[in-house]
C-alpha atoms as a PDB file:
ATOM      1  CA  UNK A   1      72.299  12.455  51.731  1.00  0.00           C
ATOM      2  CA  UNK A   2      72.684  16.211  51.748  1.00  0.00           C
ATOM      3  CA  UNK A   3      70.512  19.193  50.814  1.00  0.00           C
ATOM      4  CA  UNK A   4      69.992  22.849  51.622  1.00  0.00           C
ATOM      5  CA  UNK A   5      67.007  22.256  53.873  1.00  0.00           C
ATOM      6  CA  UNK A   6      66.928  20.414  57.187  1.00  0.00           C
ATOM      7  CA  UNK A   7      65.773  16.839  56.934  1.00  0.00           C
ATOM      8  CA  UNK A   8      66.845  15.258  60.144  1.00  0.00           C
ATOM      9  CA  UNK A   9      63.297  14.900  61.492  1.00  0.00           C
ATOM     10  CA  UNK A  10      61.763  13.780  58.135  1.00  0.00           C
ATOM     11  CA  UNK A  11      60.149  10.328  58.287  1.00  0.00           C
ATOM     12  CA  UNK A  12      58.128   9.729  55.096  1.00  0.00           C
ATOM     13  CA  UNK A  13      58.273  11.378  51.648  1.00  0.00           C
ATOM     14  CA  UNK A  14      56.502  10.888  48.378  1.00  0.00           C
ATOM     15  CA  UNK A  15      58.589   8.527  46.311  1.00  0.00           C
ATOM     16  CA  UNK A  16      59.207   5.984  49.035  1.00  0.00           C
ATOM     17  CA  UNK A  17      60.091   2.740  47.356  1.00  0.00           C
ATOM     18  CA  UNK A  18      59.901  -1.026  47.609  1.00  0.00           C
ATOM     19  CA  UNK A  19      62.283  -3.609  46.193  1.00  0.00           C
ATOM     20  CA  UNK A  20      60.889  -7.167  45.884  1.00  0.00           C
ATOM     21  CA  UNK A  21      62.570 -10.469  45.159  1.00  0.00           C
ATOM     22  CA  UNK A  22      61.559 -12.633  42.245  1.00  0.00           C
ATOM     23  CA  UNK A  23      61.299 -16.042  43.940  1.00  0.00           C
ATOM     24  CA  UNK A  24      57.916 -17.294  45.227  1.00  0.00           C
ATOM     25  CA  UNK A  25      57.943 -18.809  48.671  1.00  0.00           C
ATOM     26  CA  UNK A  26      57.072 -22.443  49.131  1.00  0.00           C
ATOM     27  CA  UNK A  27      53.889 -22.817  51.169  1.00  0.00           C
ATOM     28  CA  UNK A  28      53.031 -19.231  50.375  1.00  0.00           C
ATOM     29  CA  UNK A  29      50.068 -18.945  52.714  1.00  0.00           C
ATOM     30  CA  UNK A  30      52.077 -20.020  55.790  1.00  0.00           C
ATOM     31  CA  UNK A  31      55.087 -18.023  54.752  1.00  0.00           C
ATOM     32  CA  UNK A  32      53.101 -14.859  54.194  1.00  0.00           C
ATOM     33  CA  UNK A  33      51.330 -15.078  57.587  1.00  0.00           C
ATOM     34  CA  UNK A  34      54.603 -15.663  59.481  1.00  0.00           C
ATOM     35  CA  UNK A  35      56.453 -12.883  57.573  1.00  0.00           C
ATOM     36  CA  UNK A  36      53.654 -10.344  58.024  1.00  0.00           C
ATOM     37  CA  UNK A  37      53.459 -11.004  61.717  1.00  0.00           C
ATOM     38  CA  UNK A  38      57.205 -10.680  62.106  1.00  0.00           C
ATOM     39  CA  UNK A  39      57.225  -7.369  60.323  1.00  0.00           C
ATOM     40  CA  UNK A  40      54.285  -6.100  62.241  1.00  0.00           C
ATOM     41  CA  UNK A  41      56.005  -6.971  65.534  1.00  0.00           C
ATOM     42  CA  UNK A  42      59.088  -5.112  64.302  1.00  0.00           C
ATOM     43  CA  UNK A  43      56.913  -2.122  63.424  1.00  0.00           C
ATOM     44  CA  UNK A  44      55.634  -2.065  67.004  1.00  0.00           C
ATOM     45  CA  UNK A  45      58.810  -2.786  68.827  1.00  0.00           C
ATOM     46  CA  UNK A  46      61.548  -0.911  66.918  1.00  0.00           C
ATOM     47  CA  UNK A  47      60.413   2.618  67.926  1.00  0.00           C
ATOM     48  CA  UNK A  48      60.682   1.534  71.640  1.00  0.00           C
ATOM     49  CA  UNK A  49      64.275   0.123  71.268  1.00  0.00           C
ATOM     50  CA  UNK A  50      67.255   2.413  71.927  1.00  0.00           C
ATOM     51  CA  UNK A  51      68.909   3.218  68.661  1.00  0.00           C
ATOM     52  CA  UNK A  52      65.786   2.438  66.629  1.00  0.00           C
ATOM     53  CA  UNK A  53      67.217  -0.843  65.292  1.00  0.00           C
ATOM     54  CA  UNK A  54      66.057  -4.444  65.596  1.00  0.00           C
ATOM     55  CA  UNK A  55      66.998  -7.643  63.812  1.00  0.00           C
ATOM     56  CA  UNK A  56      65.128 -10.897  64.506  1.00  0.00           C
ATOM     57  CA  UNK A  57      64.005 -14.153  62.906  1.00  0.00           C
ATOM     58  CA  UNK A  58      61.149 -16.619  63.205  1.00  0.00           C
ATOM     59  CA  UNK A  59      60.866 -20.326  62.242  1.00  0.00           C
ATOM     60  CA  UNK A  60      58.487 -21.373  59.516  1.00  0.00           C
ATOM     61  CA  UNK A  61      57.932 -24.729  57.825  1.00  0.00           C
ATOM     62  CA  UNK A  62      61.319 -26.175  58.678  1.00  0.00           C
ATOM     63  CA  UNK A  63      63.021 -22.951  57.606  1.00  0.00           C
ATOM     64  CA  UNK A  64      63.197 -19.398  58.978  1.00  0.00           C
ATOM     65  CA  UNK A  65      62.313 -15.852  58.097  1.00  0.00           C
ATOM     66  CA  UNK A  66      64.782 -13.036  58.813  1.00  0.00           C
ATOM     67  CA  UNK A  67      63.815  -9.491  59.188  1.00  0.00           C
ATOM     68  CA  UNK A  68      65.146  -6.088  60.274  1.00  0.00           C
ATOM     69  CA  UNK A  69      63.636  -2.621  60.915  1.00  0.00           C
ATOM     70  CA  UNK A  70      65.608   0.571  61.465  1.00  0.00           C
ATOM     71  CA  UNK A  71      64.828   4.300  61.840  1.00  0.00           C
ATOM     72  CA  UNK A  72      67.149   7.264  61.642  1.00  0.00           C
ATOM     73  CA  UNK A  73      68.167   8.167  65.161  1.00  0.00           C
ATOM     74  CA  UNK A  74      67.326  11.808  64.498  1.00  0.00           C
ATOM     75  CA  UNK A  75      63.572  11.167  64.311  1.00  0.00           C
ATOM     76  CA  UNK A  76      61.221  10.809  67.270  1.00  0.00           C
ATOM     77  CA  UNK A  77      59.640   7.560  68.491  1.00  0.00           C
ATOM     78  CA  UNK A  78      56.278   8.545  67.026  1.00  0.00           C
ATOM     79  CA  UNK A  79      57.973   9.545  63.766  1.00  0.00           C
ATOM     80  CA  UNK A  80      59.711   6.175  63.661  1.00  0.00           C
ATOM     81  CA  UNK A  81      56.420   4.400  64.112  1.00  0.00           C
ATOM     82  CA  UNK A  82      54.757   6.441  61.401  1.00  0.00           C
ATOM     83  CA  UNK A  83      57.530   5.662  59.012  1.00  0.00           C
ATOM     84  CA  UNK A  84      57.557   1.918  59.646  1.00  0.00           C
ATOM     85  CA  UNK A  85      53.760   1.841  59.393  1.00  0.00           C
ATOM     86  CA  UNK A  86      54.063   3.193  55.858  1.00  0.00           C
ATOM     87  CA  UNK A  87      56.916   0.769  55.126  1.00  0.00           C
ATOM     88  CA  UNK A  88      54.876  -2.209  56.409  1.00  0.00           C
ATOM     89  CA  UNK A  89      51.949  -1.199  54.176  1.00  0.00           C
ATOM     90  CA  UNK A  90      54.191  -0.784  51.093  1.00  0.00           C
ATOM     91  CA  UNK A  91      56.081  -4.114  51.596  1.00  0.00           C
ATOM     92  CA  UNK A  92      52.838  -6.032  51.403  1.00  0.00           C
ATOM     93  CA  UNK A  93      53.142  -5.861  47.638  1.00  0.00           C
ATOM     94  CA  UNK A  94      56.168  -8.150  47.795  1.00  0.00           C
ATOM     95  CA  UNK A  95      54.310 -11.226  49.075  1.00  0.00           C
ATOM     96  CA  UNK A  96      54.352 -14.157  48.283  1.00  0.00           C
ATOM     97  CA  UNK A  97      58.004 -13.444  47.242  1.00  0.00           C
ATOM     98  CA  UNK A  98      60.691 -14.670  49.597  1.00  0.00           C
ATOM     99  CA  UNK A  99      62.415 -11.235  49.826  1.00  0.00           C
ATOM    100  CA  UNK A 100      61.228  -7.674  50.223  1.00  0.00           C
ATOM    101  CA  UNK A 101      62.582  -4.235  51.220  1.00  0.00           C
ATOM    102  CA  UNK A 102      60.837  -0.990  51.906  1.00  0.00           C
ATOM    103  CA  UNK A 103      62.689   2.398  51.919  1.00  0.00           C
ATOM    104  CA  UNK A 104      61.670   5.785  53.146  1.00  0.00           C
ATOM    105  CA  UNK A 105      63.270   9.057  54.228  1.00  0.00           C
ATOM    106  CA  UNK A 106      63.475   8.041  57.869  1.00  0.00           C
ATOM    107  CA  UNK A 107      63.303   4.246  58.015  1.00  0.00           C
ATOM    108  CA  UNK A 108      64.097   0.944  56.345  1.00  0.00           C
ATOM    109  CA  UNK A 109      62.435  -2.555  56.578  1.00  0.00           C
ATOM    110  CA  UNK A 110      63.474  -5.853  55.057  1.00  0.00           C
ATOM    111  CA  UNK A 111      62.589  -9.548  55.182  1.00  0.00           C
ATOM    112  CA  UNK A 112      64.085 -12.607  53.551  1.00  0.00           C
ATOM    113  CA  UNK A 113      64.138 -16.424  53.793  1.00  0.00           C
ATOM    114  CA  UNK A 114      67.905 -16.157  53.799  1.00  0.00           C
ATOM    115  CA  UNK A 115      69.961 -14.701  56.613  1.00  0.00           C
ATOM    116  CA  UNK A 116      71.483 -11.339  55.831  1.00  0.00           C
ATOM    117  CA  UNK A 117      72.872 -10.481  59.353  1.00  0.00           C
ATOM    118  CA  UNK A 118      74.907 -12.273  62.004  1.00  0.00           C
ATOM    119  CA  UNK A 119      73.088 -14.346  64.640  1.00  0.00           C
ATOM    120  CA  UNK A 120      74.642 -12.201  67.396  1.00  0.00           C
ATOM    121  CA  UNK A 121      72.858  -9.158  65.963  1.00  0.00           C
ATOM    122  CA  UNK A 122      69.382 -10.449  66.707  1.00  0.00           C
ATOM    123  CA  UNK A 123      67.352  -9.006  69.610  1.00  0.00           C
ATOM    124  CA  UNK A 124      64.485 -10.369  71.632  1.00  0.00           C
ATOM    125  CA  UNK A 125      61.696  -7.919  70.801  1.00  0.00           C
ATOM    126  CA  UNK A 126      59.101  -9.722  73.002  1.00  0.00           C
ATOM    127  CA  UNK A 127      59.475  -7.317  76.021  1.00  0.00           C
ATOM    128  CA  UNK A 128      58.819  -4.325  73.840  1.00  0.00           C
ATOM    129  CA  UNK A 129      55.621  -5.974  72.494  1.00  0.00           C
ATOM    130  CA  UNK A 130      54.440  -6.714  76.019  1.00  0.00           C
ATOM    131  CA  UNK A 131      54.782  -3.007  76.875  1.00  0.00           C
ATOM    132  CA  UNK A 132      52.319  -2.144  74.109  1.00  0.00           C
ATOM    133  CA  UNK A 133      49.987  -4.980  75.228  1.00  0.00           C
ATOM    134  CA  UNK A 134      50.112  -3.821  78.907  1.00  0.00           C
ATOM    135  CA  UNK A 135      49.374  -0.198  77.913  1.00  0.00           C
ATOM    136  CA  UNK A 136      46.337  -1.350  75.865  1.00  0.00           C
ATOM    137  CA  UNK A 137      45.161  -3.578  78.758  1.00  0.00           C
ATOM    138  CA  UNK A 138      45.559  -0.746  81.166  1.00  0.00           C
ATOM    139  CA  UNK A 139      43.562   1.553  78.898  1.00  0.00           C
ATOM    140  CA  UNK A 140      40.819  -1.073  78.668  1.00  0.00           C
ATOM    141  CA  UNK A 141      40.664  -1.532  82.439  1.00  0.00           C
ATOM    142  CA  UNK A 142      40.645   2.223  83.026  1.00  0.00           C
ATOM    143  CA  UNK A 143      37.799   2.610  80.513  1.00  0.00           C
ATOM    144  CA  UNK A 144      35.698  -0.066  82.237  1.00  0.00           C
ATOM    145  CA  UNK A 145      36.293   1.360  85.705  1.00  0.00           C
ATOM    146  CA  UNK A 146      35.481   4.876  84.521  1.00  0.00           C
ATOM    147  CA  UNK A 147      32.273   3.594  82.968  1.00  0.00           C
ATOM    148  CA  UNK A 148      31.202   1.871  86.159  1.00  0.00           C
ATOM    149  CA  UNK A 149      31.906   4.986  88.213  1.00  0.00           C
ATOM    150  CA  UNK A 150      29.976   7.164  85.768  1.00  0.00           C
ATOM    151  CA  UNK A 151      26.959   4.814  85.956  1.00  0.00           C
ATOM    152  CA  UNK A 152      27.034   4.814  89.789  1.00  0.00           C
ATOM    153  CA  UNK A 153      27.180   8.629  89.827  1.00  0.00           C
ATOM    154  CA  UNK A 154      24.210   8.869  87.439  1.00  0.00           C
ATOM    155  CA  UNK A 155      22.234   6.340  89.472  1.00  0.00           C
ATOM    156  CA  UNK A 156      22.844   8.270  92.738  1.00  0.00           C
ATOM    157  CA  UNK A 157      21.861  11.530  91.010  1.00  0.00           C
ATOM    158  CA  UNK A 158      18.689   9.960  89.648  1.00  0.00           C
ATOM    159  CA  UNK A 159      17.609   8.632  93.092  1.00  0.00           C
ATOM    160  CA  UNK A 160      18.390  12.018  94.735  1.00  0.00           C
ATOM    161  CA  UNK A 161      16.241  13.859  92.244  1.00  0.00           C
ATOM    162  CA  UNK A 162      13.371  11.378  92.660  1.00  0.00           C
ATOM    163  CA  UNK A 163      13.484  11.895  96.422  1.00  0.00           C
ATOM    164  CA  UNK A 164      13.706  15.601  96.081  1.00  0.00           C
ATOM    165  CA  UNK A 165      10.599  15.773  93.833  1.00  0.00           C
ATOM    166  CA  UNK A 166       8.574  13.344  95.992  1.00  0.00           C
ATOM    167  CA  UNK A 167       5.738  15.246  97.744  1.00  0.00           C
ATOM    168  CA  UNK A 168       6.005  15.249 101.517  1.00  0.00           C
ATOM    169  CA  UNK A 169       3.049  13.660 103.353  1.00  0.00           C
ATOM    170  CA  UNK A 170       1.247  15.954 105.748  1.00  0.00           C
ATOM    171  CA  UNK A 171       1.522  14.679 109.291  1.00  0.00           C
ATOM    172  CA  UNK A 172      -1.658  14.153 111.165  1.00  0.00           C
ATOM    173  CA  UNK A 173      -1.974  15.939 114.447  1.00  0.00           C
ATOM    174  CA  UNK A 174      -1.104  13.827 117.542  1.00  0.00           C
ATOM    175  CA  UNK A 175      -2.519  15.588 120.628  1.00  0.00           C
ATOM    176  CA  UNK A 176      -0.786  13.111 122.865  1.00  0.00           C
ATOM    177  CA  UNK A 177       2.749  14.199 121.918  1.00  0.00           C
ATOM    178  CA  UNK A 178       2.033  17.662 120.515  1.00  0.00           C
ATOM    179  CA  UNK A 179       3.809  20.606 122.146  1.00  0.00           C
ATOM    180  CA  UNK A 180       2.869  23.231 119.591  1.00  0.00           C
ATOM    181  CA  UNK A 181      -0.128  23.597 117.278  1.00  0.00           C
ATOM    182  CA  UNK A 182       0.232  25.515 113.994  1.00  0.00           C
ATOM    183  CA  UNK A 183      -2.976  26.253 112.171  1.00  0.00           C
ATOM    184  CA  UNK A 184      -5.892  23.953 111.773  1.00  0.00           C
ATOM    185  CA  UNK A 185      -5.226  20.316 112.549  1.00  0.00           C
ATOM    186  CA  UNK A 186      -7.400  17.290 111.962  1.00  0.00           C
ATOM    187  CA  UNK A 187      -7.453  14.705 114.698  1.00  0.00           C
ATOM    188  CA  UNK A 188      -8.540  11.121 114.470  1.00  0.00           C
ATOM    189  CA  UNK A 189     -11.419   9.917 116.565  1.00  0.00           C
ATOM    190  CA  UNK A 190      -9.146   7.374 118.289  1.00  0.00           C
ATOM    191  CA  UNK A 191      -6.780  10.168 119.285  1.00  0.00           C
ATOM    192  CA  UNK A 192      -9.605  12.117 120.879  1.00  0.00           C
ATOM    193  CA  UNK A 193     -10.973   9.042 122.635  1.00  0.00           C
ATOM    194  CA  UNK A 194      -7.562   8.208 124.086  1.00  0.00           C
ATOM    195  CA  UNK A 195      -6.763  11.776 125.153  1.00  0.00           C
ATOM    196  CA  UNK A 196     -10.071  12.143 127.009  1.00  0.00           C
ATOM    197  CA  UNK A 197      -9.908   8.667 128.557  1.00  0.00           C
ATOM    198  CA  UNK A 198     -12.914   7.523 126.594  1.00  0.00           C
ATOM    199  CA  UNK A 199     -14.633  10.904 127.069  1.00  0.00           C
ATOM    200  CA  UNK A 200     -14.505  10.470 130.836  1.00  0.00           C
ATOM    201  CA  UNK A 201     -16.379  12.922 133.010  1.00  0.00           C
ATOM    202  CA  UNK A 202     -13.164  13.514 134.920  1.00  0.00           C
ATOM    203  CA  UNK A 203     -11.765  15.266 131.817  1.00  0.00           C
ATOM    204  CA  UNK A 204     -14.877  17.155 130.991  1.00  0.00           C
ATOM    205  CA  UNK A 205     -14.553  20.912 131.365  1.00  0.00           C
ATOM    206  CA  UNK A 206     -17.999  21.925 130.401  1.00  0.00           C
ATOM    207  CA  UNK A 207     -20.493  22.293 127.582  1.00  0.00           C
ATOM    208  CA  UNK A 208     -20.524  24.679 124.704  1.00  0.00           C
ATOM    209  CA  UNK A 209     -22.582  25.510 121.684  1.00  0.00           C
ATOM    210  CA  UNK A 210     -20.927  22.798 119.715  1.00  0.00           C
ATOM    211  CA  UNK A 211     -21.010  20.090 122.307  1.00  0.00           C
ATOM    212  CA  UNK A 212     -19.022  18.937 125.379  1.00  0.00           C
ATOM    213  CA  UNK A 213     -15.587  20.360 126.077  1.00  0.00           C
ATOM    214  CA  UNK A 214     -12.869  18.084 127.328  1.00  0.00           C
ATOM    215  CA  UNK A 215      -9.360  18.781 128.561  1.00  0.00           C
END
């Protein structure tokens, strides 16, 4: 390919195409499910593999499905994923045929019931799928922990506001332990009785216009 404008970072373009085989797979339902899962795994793993290339196969109904996915090395990881996502969507139109290919500006994807690459070219893509699963699991755990922390903060704030708004009870005067009197204070009869030793004459200071005065 050549043109007057830069295209090294292009991934998808209008006019992306699909080439489908003409033979219908035996046990189409099983074949379709296995092939779609294999291509979906390639879509996820290939952008994480150095060189953006992966070839793999999976057994199905006594046979096998072979598939590859590849992106141009000049695109980014996210660009490779975007391109293969479009390719995966487009190649769905090939099922239940036994062969299918999807082309785009920055990537290529193919599946077939017949081998079209050497066995030593296959790669175990499982570790690259686990990376995605671990990241998703970490995001879920982080979200749960963050939610719990937020609930605790709101609960503490609610309790603090309730305590702050709660009216304070006015303390009754206690002449037994009082060291300072501020303003009018109401005393209980039991306090007066205890303080004067049951209104004993020993504590009586005298008499006034309002009654006896005790110390």
